[in-house]
Amino acid sequence: MSQRERISFARRLSRYQAAITLPANPVVEGRLIRMVGLTLEAEGCKAPVGSRCQVISDTPSGQSSIEAEVMGFSGNKIYLMPVDRLEGLQPGARVVPSSGGGKLPMGSAMLGRVVDGIGRPLDGKGSFKAEDWVDLNGPVINPLKRHPIEEPLDVGIRSINSLLTVGRGQRLGLFAGSGVGKSMLLGMMTRFTDADITIVGLVGERGREVKEFIEQILGEKGMARSVVVASPADDAPLMRLRAAMYCTRIAEYFRDQGKNVLLLMDSLTRFAQAQREIALAIGEPPATKGYPPSVFAKLPQLVERAGNAEEGGGSITAFYTVLSEGDDQQDPIADASRAILDGHVVLSRRLAEEGHYPAIDIEASISRAMPQIVSPEQLQQAQVFKQLYARYQQSRDLISVGAYSAGSDPLTDKALEKMPSMQAFLRQGLHVSVNLSDSQAALEQTISDE
């Protein structure tokens, strides 16, 4: 074959290859055919589960666009859930898959800012420059490579520091009914805990609490090293769900930079309720007390992302508030959360009604990391304190009516003698901080026989 023939053949081959090459991942639009509650049904659109779409309606004043996420499919139909409020939707609206991939802004420019569940500023300070754009779901750490919890963390609460010691990288739950002081205790921990960066997630709570938490609890100094992700109760359920996942993703981002991060989420229950709303809306059958199975699958997926990184890396110490409906500690979400967290602090309504703050029920609370991070002496002292406290509570009715005779039981006698000092030990002012060493010394003094 001559040189001219080879060139001619190469040109024909390239034209043939170009003719048979198909466009990669063509965008196929669909049409909105049905809307029931918060669920949108579209037909003719090709988009994978978890991807984003724009629902575009033509109105007299122009086009309106609503972002939605693909939550499921059935045959050639896909089910979408809106991220924002539904306004201006019309039958036959165009459903266009987004090509952005759902990346979220990240970086140190977020410190001192308040954002929503998709990274939009809420504080009126304008936009911020993102140093990086990341997926909502971070990389999973091999559990065998995680650094173990070995170092105690000072949270500034005397009873927790001494009797329920928290370790750096631990995940702790604050369990209580409504109005018992979960948010106040969370605020004390926010101010007193030593951390490089604080990430606060206010998910599904009252809207007024956002500003109160920022101004009264964090303050100007605390806000300078914090990021607040807020999605109040009137937001769409998908936005509330994303807010919880986004604040966890921010914590992961700074942990991967070697920072010791404090993650505060108020509340884990509202996260579960948002997932319940979504699951029921797309047709998932309810299982336990109205909660579909996907709720109990989502909880560990969120919580397990917190904790220590690999050896030499940073850490995420996480505090989650859990609302026990009707003060029922066997509530499905409370029970599931207790099983996946590294400890729980239970707040008692009876103590709160007696003016005992923080209203921590020492008998019902536990820190699973405490035996590995405190000395054997402190562990023994904490056990003695709990034994005396529990014995007094068991005999409380007899003591209150005068039916108990001194000398009947030596342990009850000692509990009766020590109860005033134990109650004083468990009480603490809202703006009073007690460090680890002072907490341990106070515990030793309280149970001492001298």
Protein backbone atom coordinates (compact mmCIF):
# COMPACT_ATOMS: atom_id res chain seq x y z
CA MET A 1 0.00 0.00 0.00
CA SER A 2 1.40 3.37 -1.07
CA GLN A 3 1.70 6.41 1.21
CA ARG A 4 -1.28 8.10 -0.52
CA GLU A 5 -3.45 5.00 -0.08
CA ARG A 6 -2.55 4.73 3.61
CA ILE A 7 -3.53 8.40 4.19
CA SER A 8 -6.79 7.93 2.32
CA PHE A 9 -7.62 4.81 4.34
CA ALA A 10 -6.87 6.59 7.66
CA ARG A 11 -9.19 9.47 6.74
CA ARG A 12 -12.05 7.12 5.84
CA LEU A 13 -11.53 5.19 9.10
CA SER A 14 -11.66 8.37 11.22
CA ARG A 15 -14.85 9.52 9.47
CA TYR A 16 -16.40 6.09 10.11
CA GLN A 17 -15.47 6.14 13.80
CA ALA A 18 -16.89 9.65 14.23
CA ALA A 19 -20.14 8.54 12.61
CA ILE A 20 -20.68 5.64 15.00
CA THR A 21 -19.64 7.47 18.22
CA LEU A 22 -22.67 8.15 20.44
CA PRO A 23 -22.93 11.09 22.86
CA ALA A 24 -22.01 10.11 26.45
CA ASN A 25 -24.79 10.19 29.06
CA PRO A 26 -27.36 12.20 27.10
CA VAL A 27 -29.66 14.39 29.20
CA VAL A 28 -33.20 13.09 28.88
CA GLU A 29 -35.87 15.47 30.11
CA GLY A 30 -39.17 14.35 31.59
CA ARG A 31 -42.53 15.79 32.51
CA LEU A 32 -44.19 16.19 35.89
CA ILE A 33 -47.31 14.01 35.84
CA ARG A 34 -48.40 13.89 39.48
CA MET A 35 -47.92 15.57 42.84
CA VAL A 36 -49.18 13.98 46.06
CA GLY A 37 -48.21 15.75 49.28
CA LEU A 38 -44.48 16.35 49.00
CA THR A 39 -43.88 13.61 46.41
CA LEU A 40 -43.42 14.47 42.74
CA GLU A 41 -43.82 11.86 40.00
CA ALA A 42 -42.10 12.40 36.66
CA GLU A 43 -42.25 10.35 33.49
CA GLY A 44 -39.73 10.11 30.68
CA CYS A 45 -36.78 11.37 32.73
CA LYS A 46 -33.66 9.25 33.19
CA ALA A 47 -31.82 10.05 36.44
CA PRO A 48 -30.24 7.77 39.08
CA VAL A 49 -31.39 7.66 42.71
CA GLY A 50 -29.70 10.42 44.73
CA SER A 51 -29.18 12.75 41.77
CA ARG A 52 -30.67 16.23 41.50
CA CYS A 53 -33.18 17.58 39.02
CA GLN A 54 -34.64 20.98 38.24
CA VAL A 55 -38.43 21.14 37.97
CA ILE A 56 -39.15 24.07 35.64
CA SER A 57 -42.61 25.61 35.27
CA ASP A 58 -43.67 28.34 32.86
CA THR A 59 -45.62 31.06 34.67
CA PRO A 60 -47.04 34.42 33.45
CA SER A 61 -44.14 36.18 35.19
CA GLY A 62 -41.51 33.86 33.68
CA GLN A 63 -39.99 30.53 34.54
CA SER A 64 -39.84 29.19 38.10
CA SER A 65 -37.37 26.45 39.02
CA ILE A 66 -37.41 24.13 42.05
CA GLU A 67 -34.61 21.77 42.93
CA ALA A 68 -35.58 18.19 43.76
CA GLU A 69 -33.77 14.95 44.51
CA VAL A 70 -34.54 11.53 43.02
CA MET A 71 -35.67 9.29 45.90
CA GLY A 72 -36.92 6.21 44.02
CA PHE A 73 -38.47 4.85 40.84
CA SER A 74 -41.14 2.45 39.58
CA GLY A 75 -41.00 1.33 35.97
CA ASN A 76 -40.48 4.41 33.81
CA LYS A 77 -41.56 6.78 36.61
CA ILE A 78 -39.23 8.45 39.08
CA TYR A 79 -40.16 9.88 42.48
CA LEU A 80 -38.67 13.18 43.54
CA MET A 81 -38.62 15.13 46.79
CA PRO A 82 -38.24 18.94 46.71
CA VAL A 83 -35.39 20.57 48.61
CA ASP A 84 -37.25 23.86 49.13
CA ARG A 85 -40.89 24.81 49.54
CA LEU A 86 -43.24 23.97 46.69
CA GLU A 87 -44.47 27.11 44.96
CA GLY A 88 -45.57 27.69 41.38
CA LEU A 89 -45.54 24.07 40.21
CA GLN A 90 -47.85 23.20 37.31
CA PRO A 91 -48.88 19.94 35.63
CA GLY A 92 -46.53 19.02 32.80
CA ALA A 93 -43.57 20.98 34.21
CA ARG A 94 -40.21 20.04 32.69
CA VAL A 95 -37.95 17.83 34.83
CA VAL A 96 -34.31 18.34 33.82
CA PRO A 97 -31.47 16.32 35.42
CA SER A 98 -28.75 18.57 36.85
CA SER A 99 -25.17 18.11 35.71
CA GLY A 100 -23.51 19.66 38.78
CA GLY A 101 -23.23 16.39 40.71
CA GLY A 102 -24.52 17.85 43.98
CA LYS A 103 -21.20 19.21 45.27
CA LEU A 104 -21.29 21.32 48.45
CA PRO A 105 -19.02 24.25 49.43
CA MET A 106 -16.34 23.70 52.05
CA GLY A 107 -13.40 25.57 53.57
CA SER A 108 -12.14 27.77 56.38
CA ALA A 109 -14.14 30.71 54.98
CA MET A 110 -17.21 29.05 56.53
CA LEU A 111 -15.99 29.72 60.08
CA GLY A 112 -18.21 32.26 61.75
CA ARG A 113 -21.01 31.72 59.23
CA VAL A 114 -24.55 30.34 59.37
CA VAL A 115 -25.67 28.29 56.37
CA ASP A 116 -28.60 26.07 55.40
CA GLY A 117 -28.57 22.41 54.37
CA ILE A 118 -27.11 23.09 50.91
CA GLY A 119 -24.53 25.72 51.89
CA ARG A 120 -26.48 28.94 51.26
CA PRO A 121 -25.65 31.71 53.77
CA LEU A 122 -28.44 32.65 56.21
CA ASP A 123 -26.63 35.36 58.19
CA GLY A 124 -26.96 38.19 55.67
CA LYS A 125 -23.19 38.53 55.27
CA GLY A 126 -23.16 37.63 51.61
CA SER A 127 -21.54 34.67 49.91
CA PHE A 128 -18.23 33.14 50.93
CA LYS A 129 -15.41 31.76 48.80
CA ALA A 130 -15.33 27.98 48.93
CA GLU A 131 -11.87 26.44 49.05
CA ASP A 132 -13.21 23.06 47.99
CA TRP A 133 -16.37 21.38 46.72
CA VAL A 134 -17.19 17.95 48.14
CA ASP A 135 -19.87 15.27 47.97
CA LEU A 136 -22.47 15.10 50.73
CA ASN A 137 -21.29 11.62 51.72
CA GLY A 138 -17.67 11.46 52.81
CA PRO A 139 -15.29 8.50 52.51
CA VAL A 140 -15.84 5.61 54.94
CA ILE A 141 -12.99 4.91 57.38
CA ASN A 142 -11.98 1.30 57.91
CA PRO A 143 -13.01 0.55 61.53
CA LEU A 144 -9.72 -1.30 62.13
CA LYS A 145 -7.75 1.83 61.19
CA ARG A 146 -9.58 4.23 63.51
CA HIS A 147 -7.52 5.55 66.40
CA PRO A 148 -9.04 4.27 69.68
CA ILE A 149 -10.50 6.62 72.30
CA GLU A 150 -7.65 7.09 74.79
CA GLU A 151 -7.76 10.73 75.92
CA PRO A 152 -10.40 12.25 78.25
CA LEU A 153 -12.15 15.41 77.08
CA ASP A 154 -12.97 18.23 79.49
CA VAL A 155 -16.61 19.29 78.94
CA GLY A 156 -16.74 21.63 81.95
CA ILE A 157 -19.65 19.80 83.65
CA ARG A 158 -18.59 18.43 87.06
CA SER A 159 -20.94 15.44 87.12
CA ILE A 160 -20.05 14.37 83.55
CA ASN A 161 -16.30 14.92 83.97
CA SER A 162 -16.16 12.72 87.06
CA LEU A 163 -18.99 10.18 86.78
CA LEU A 164 -19.55 9.96 83.00
CA THR A 165 -16.13 10.92 81.63
CA VAL A 166 -16.16 11.66 77.89
CA GLY A 167 -13.26 10.70 75.63
CA ARG A 168 -12.00 12.66 72.63
CA GLY A 169 -13.67 11.09 69.61
CA GLN A 170 -16.64 9.72 71.57
CA ARG A 171 -20.28 10.03 70.46
CA LEU A 172 -22.64 10.85 73.31
CA GLY A 173 -26.42 11.24 73.39
CA LEU A 174 -28.42 13.64 75.57
CA PHE A 175 -31.80 11.96 76.18
CA ALA A 176 -34.84 13.71 77.59
CA GLY A 177 -38.40 14.77 76.97
CA SER A 178 -39.29 18.29 75.87
CA GLY A 179 -38.53 21.18 78.19
CA VAL A 180 -36.12 19.37 80.52
CA GLY A 181 -32.96 21.27 79.59
CA LYS A 182 -31.26 19.40 76.73
CA SER A 183 -30.44 22.55 74.80
CA MET A 184 -29.17 24.34 77.93
CA LEU A 185 -26.83 21.44 78.76
CA LEU A 186 -25.69 21.35 75.13
CA GLY A 187 -24.96 25.06 75.34
CA MET A 188 -22.84 24.61 78.47
CA MET A 189 -20.80 21.93 76.72
CA THR A 190 -20.41 24.22 73.71
CA ARG A 191 -18.89 26.99 75.81
CA PHE A 192 -16.72 24.84 78.08
CA THR A 193 -15.38 22.05 75.82
CA ASP A 194 -11.90 22.52 74.40
CA ALA A 195 -11.93 22.02 70.61
CA ASP A 196 -10.23 23.54 67.57
CA ILE A 197 -13.50 23.94 65.65
CA THR A 198 -17.16 23.61 66.64
CA ILE A 199 -19.83 22.50 64.17
CA VAL A 200 -23.42 23.09 65.28
CA GLY A 201 -26.38 21.47 63.55
CA LEU A 202 -29.79 22.91 64.48
CA VAL A 203 -32.08 20.44 62.72
CA GLY A 204 -35.86 20.62 62.89
CA GLU A 205 -35.99 22.79 66.02
CA ARG A 206 -37.81 26.08 66.63
CA GLY A 207 -36.68 28.90 64.37
CA ARG A 208 -36.16 31.36 67.23
CA GLU A 209 -33.58 29.01 68.82
CA VAL A 210 -31.12 29.60 65.97
CA LYS A 211 -30.48 33.24 66.82
CA GLU A 212 -30.64 32.58 70.57
CA PHE A 213 -28.04 29.82 70.29
CA ILE A 214 -25.69 32.00 68.25
CA GLU A 215 -25.98 35.16 70.36
CA GLN A 216 -26.54 33.82 73.88
CA ILE A 217 -24.67 30.50 73.88
CA LEU A 218 -21.91 30.71 71.29
CA GLY A 219 -21.29 34.44 71.54
CA GLU A 220 -18.92 36.42 69.36
CA LYS A 221 -15.82 34.54 70.57
CA GLY A 222 -17.34 31.10 70.17
CA MET A 223 -18.85 31.91 66.78
CA ALA A 224 -15.44 32.87 65.39
CA ARG A 225 -14.35 29.22 65.44
CA SER A 226 -17.75 27.70 64.65
CA VAL A 227 -19.93 26.80 61.69
CA VAL A 228 -23.70 26.67 62.21
CA VAL A 229 -25.91 24.65 59.87
CA ALA A 230 -29.54 25.54 60.50
CA SER A 231 -32.73 24.00 59.12
CA PRO A 232 -35.76 24.89 61.30
CA ALA A 233 -38.93 22.88 61.64
CA ASP A 234 -40.76 24.64 58.78
CA ASP A 235 -38.16 23.58 56.19
CA ALA A 236 -38.88 20.75 53.77
CA PRO A 237 -37.98 17.32 55.21
CA LEU A 238 -35.24 16.80 52.62
CA MET A 239 -33.61 20.09 53.65
CA ARG A 240 -33.64 18.99 57.31
CA LEU A 241 -32.16 15.64 56.33
CA ARG A 242 -29.43 17.32 54.31
CA ALA A 243 -28.63 19.77 57.10
CA ALA A 244 -27.75 16.92 59.48
CA MET A 245 -25.63 15.22 56.83
CA TYR A 246 -23.98 18.50 55.77
CA CYS A 247 -22.85 19.49 59.27
CA THR A 248 -21.40 15.98 59.69
CA ARG A 249 -19.61 16.37 56.34
CA ILE A 250 -18.14 19.70 57.45
CA ALA A 251 -16.87 18.07 60.64
CA GLU A 252 -15.28 15.29 58.55
CA TYR A 253 -13.61 17.87 56.32
CA PHE A 254 -11.87 19.61 59.21
CA ARG A 255 -11.07 16.31 60.96
CA ASP A 256 -9.23 15.19 57.84
CA GLN A 257 -7.08 18.31 58.21
CA GLY A 258 -5.96 17.09 61.66
CA LYS A 259 -8.35 19.27 63.70
CA ASN A 260 -10.11 18.24 66.90
CA VAL A 261 -13.73 18.97 66.06
CA LEU A 262 -16.72 19.26 68.40
CA LEU A 263 -19.95 18.32 66.61
CA LEU A 264 -23.24 19.31 68.28
CA MET A 265 -26.52 18.20 66.71
CA ASP A 266 -29.91 19.26 68.04
CA SER A 267 -31.57 16.94 67.38
CA LEU A 268 -31.06 13.39 66.13
CA THR A 269 -34.78 12.73 66.61
CA ARG A 270 -35.75 15.46 64.11
CA PHE A 271 -33.34 13.90 61.60
CA ALA A 272 -35.16 10.57 62.00
CA GLN A 273 -38.55 12.24 61.70
CA ALA A 274 -37.50 13.97 58.47
CA GLN A 275 -36.47 10.61 57.02
CA ARG A 276 -39.81 9.15 58.16
CA GLU A 277 -41.71 11.89 56.30
CA ILE A 278 -39.73 11.21 53.13
CA ALA A 279 -40.02 7.42 53.33
CA LEU A 280 -43.78 7.45 53.97
CA ALA A 281 -44.33 9.98 51.18
CA ILE A 282 -42.70 7.73 48.57
CA GLY A 283 -44.65 4.68 49.74
CA GLU A 284 -42.34 2.83 52.14
CA PRO A 285 -44.45 0.83 54.63
CA PRO A 286 -44.22 1.77 58.32
CA ALA A 287 -42.71 -0.78 60.70
CA THR A 288 -42.04 0.20 64.32
CA LYS A 289 -44.52 2.75 65.71
CA GLY A 290 -44.88 4.42 62.32
CA TYR A 291 -41.16 4.49 61.52
CA PRO A 292 -40.18 2.80 58.21
CA PRO A 293 -37.08 0.53 58.14
CA SER A 294 -35.01 3.12 56.25
CA VAL A 295 -35.04 5.38 59.35
CA PHE A 296 -33.15 2.80 61.39
CA ALA A 297 -30.72 2.30 58.50
CA LYS A 298 -30.03 6.05 58.22
CA LEU A 299 -29.19 6.57 61.91
CA PRO A 300 -25.97 4.49 62.01
CA GLN A 301 -24.96 5.82 58.59
CA LEU A 302 -24.96 9.32 60.09
CA VAL A 303 -23.56 8.60 63.56
CA GLU A 304 -20.77 6.25 62.45
CA ARG A 305 -19.19 9.07 60.42
CA ALA A 306 -18.18 10.82 63.66
CA GLY A 307 -15.30 9.65 65.86
CA ASN A 308 -11.52 9.51 65.56
CA ALA A 309 -9.68 9.43 62.28
CA GLU A 310 -6.76 7.15 61.52
CA GLU A 311 -3.59 7.22 63.66
CA GLY A 312 -2.14 10.73 63.73
CA GLY A 313 -5.31 12.36 62.36
CA GLY A 314 -7.96 14.56 63.91
CA SER A 315 -11.12 13.66 65.79
CA ILE A 316 -14.86 14.38 65.92
CA THR A 317 -16.39 14.35 69.40
CA ALA A 318 -20.14 14.37 68.84
CA PHE A 319 -23.05 15.25 71.14
CA TYR A 320 -26.54 14.44 69.87
CA THR A 321 -29.76 15.41 71.59
CA VAL A 322 -32.48 12.74 71.46
CA LEU A 323 -36.08 13.63 72.24
CA SER A 324 -37.84 10.91 74.23
CA GLU A 325 -41.51 11.46 73.41
CA GLY A 326 -43.55 11.48 76.60
CA ASP A 327 -40.36 10.82 78.61
CA ASP A 328 -40.47 7.26 77.23
CA GLN A 329 -36.92 5.91 77.21
CA GLN A 330 -38.16 2.94 75.13
CA ASP A 331 -39.18 5.21 72.26
CA PRO A 332 -37.96 3.54 69.00
CA ILE A 333 -35.56 6.34 68.06
CA ALA A 334 -34.22 6.67 71.61
CA ASP A 335 -33.71 2.92 71.84
CA ALA A 336 -31.98 2.72 68.44
CA SER A 337 -29.78 5.73 69.25
CA ARG A 338 -28.72 4.27 72.59
CA ALA A 339 -27.53 1.13 70.80
CA ILE A 340 -25.26 2.95 68.31
CA LEU A 341 -23.86 5.73 70.53
CA ASP A 342 -20.87 5.42 72.88
CA GLY A 343 -22.85 6.57 75.90
CA HIS A 344 -25.95 8.45 76.97
CA VAL A 345 -26.81 11.16 79.47
CA VAL A 346 -30.44 10.93 80.56
CA LEU A 347 -32.17 14.05 81.88
CA SER A 348 -34.93 13.57 84.45
CA ARG A 349 -38.13 15.59 84.45
CA ARG A 350 -38.54 14.96 88.19
CA LEU A 351 -35.14 16.55 88.90
CA ALA A 352 -35.94 19.49 86.63
CA GLU A 353 -39.23 20.07 88.45
CA GLU A 354 -37.32 20.09 91.74
CA GLY A 355 -35.05 22.86 90.42
CA HIS A 356 -32.08 20.50 90.14
CA TYR A 357 -29.92 21.60 87.17
CA PRO A 358 -28.42 20.10 85.18
CA ALA A 359 -31.14 17.49 85.66
CA ILE A 360 -28.86 14.49 84.95
CA ASP A 361 -30.19 11.12 86.08
CA ILE A 362 -26.92 9.52 87.19
CA GLU A 363 -28.49 6.08 87.63
CA ALA A 364 -29.74 5.89 84.02
CA SER A 365 -26.66 7.47 82.38
CA ILE A 366 -23.44 5.80 81.27
CA SER A 367 -20.23 6.52 79.33
CA ARG A 368 -18.99 3.39 77.56
CA ALA A 369 -15.54 4.90 77.00
CA MET A 370 -14.95 5.82 80.66
CA PRO A 371 -13.23 2.57 81.82
CA GLN A 372 -10.51 3.02 79.16
CA ILE A 373 -9.71 6.70 79.81
CA VAL A 374 -9.77 7.18 83.61
CA SER A 375 -7.69 5.79 86.44
CA PRO A 376 -8.90 2.72 88.41
CA GLU A 377 -9.22 4.97 91.49
CA GLN A 378 -11.61 7.36 89.78
CA LEU A 379 -13.62 4.49 88.32
CA GLN A 380 -14.03 2.98 91.79
CA GLN A 381 -15.00 6.33 93.28
CA ALA A 382 -17.65 6.81 90.58
CA GLN A 383 -19.06 3.35 91.34
CA VAL A 384 -19.25 4.12 95.07
CA PHE A 385 -21.04 7.41 94.34
CA LYS A 386 -23.60 5.65 92.13
CA GLN A 387 -24.15 2.91 94.72
CA LEU A 388 -24.88 5.44 97.47
CA TYR A 389 -27.10 7.53 95.19
CA ALA A 390 -29.05 4.47 94.01
CA ARG A 391 -29.51 3.16 97.57
CA TYR A 392 -30.96 6.51 98.68
CA GLN A 393 -33.39 6.58 95.72
CA GLN A 394 -34.53 3.02 96.57
CA SER A 395 -35.26 4.02 100.19
CA ARG A 396 -36.53 7.51 99.40
CA ASP A 397 -40.19 6.79 100.06
CA LEU A 398 -39.48 5.16 103.43
CA ILE A 399 -37.19 8.02 104.44
CA SER A 400 -39.67 10.72 103.40
CA VAL A 401 -42.50 9.28 105.56
CA GLY A 402 -40.20 8.54 108.51
CA ALA A 403 -40.57 4.76 108.22
CA TYR A 404 -36.84 4.11 107.99
CA SER A 405 -34.98 3.51 111.28
CA ALA A 406 -31.34 4.59 111.45
CA GLY A 407 -29.01 1.62 111.87
CA SER A 408 -31.18 -0.80 109.88
CA ASP A 409 -28.78 -0.83 106.92
CA PRO A 410 -25.21 0.61 107.01
CA LEU A 411 -25.19 1.48 103.28
CA THR A 412 -28.52 3.31 103.54
CA ASP A 413 -27.26 5.15 106.61
CA LYS A 414 -24.20 6.32 104.70
CA ALA A 415 -26.31 7.29 101.69
CA LEU A 416 -28.61 9.32 103.95
CA GLU A 417 -25.61 11.06 105.48
CA LYS A 418 -23.96 11.83 102.12
CA MET A 419 -27.07 12.82 100.15
CA PRO A 420 -26.88 16.61 100.80
CA SER A 421 -23.24 16.76 99.64
CA MET A 422 -24.00 14.49 96.63
CA GLN A 423 -26.87 16.73 95.54
CA ALA A 424 -24.64 19.79 95.84
CA PHE A 425 -22.00 17.97 93.79
CA LEU A 426 -24.48 17.21 90.97
CA ARG A 427 -25.79 20.78 90.77
CA GLN A 428 -23.92 23.39 88.73
CA GLY A 429 -24.59 26.94 87.57
CA LEU A 430 -25.26 27.69 83.94
CA HIS A 431 -22.13 29.84 83.57
CA VAL A 432 -19.85 27.88 85.91
CA SER A 433 -17.13 25.65 84.42
CA VAL A 434 -15.37 22.89 86.39
CA ASN A 435 -12.33 21.22 84.81
CA LEU A 436 -11.37 17.54 84.93
CA SER A 437 -8.95 17.71 87.85
CA ASP A 438 -11.28 19.81 90.01
CA SER A 439 -14.19 17.47 89.18
CA GLN A 440 -12.20 14.42 90.26
CA ALA A 441 -11.07 16.12 93.49
CA ALA A 442 -14.66 17.11 94.28
CA LEU A 443 -15.82 13.53 93.70
CA GLU A 444 -13.19 12.16 96.06
CA GLN A 445 -14.11 14.70 98.72
CA THR A 446 -17.84 13.98 98.38
CA ILE A 447 -17.61 10.24 99.03
CA SER A 448 -14.81 10.49 101.59
CA ASP A 449 -15.61 9.28 105.11
CA GLU A 450 -13.73 12.20 106.64
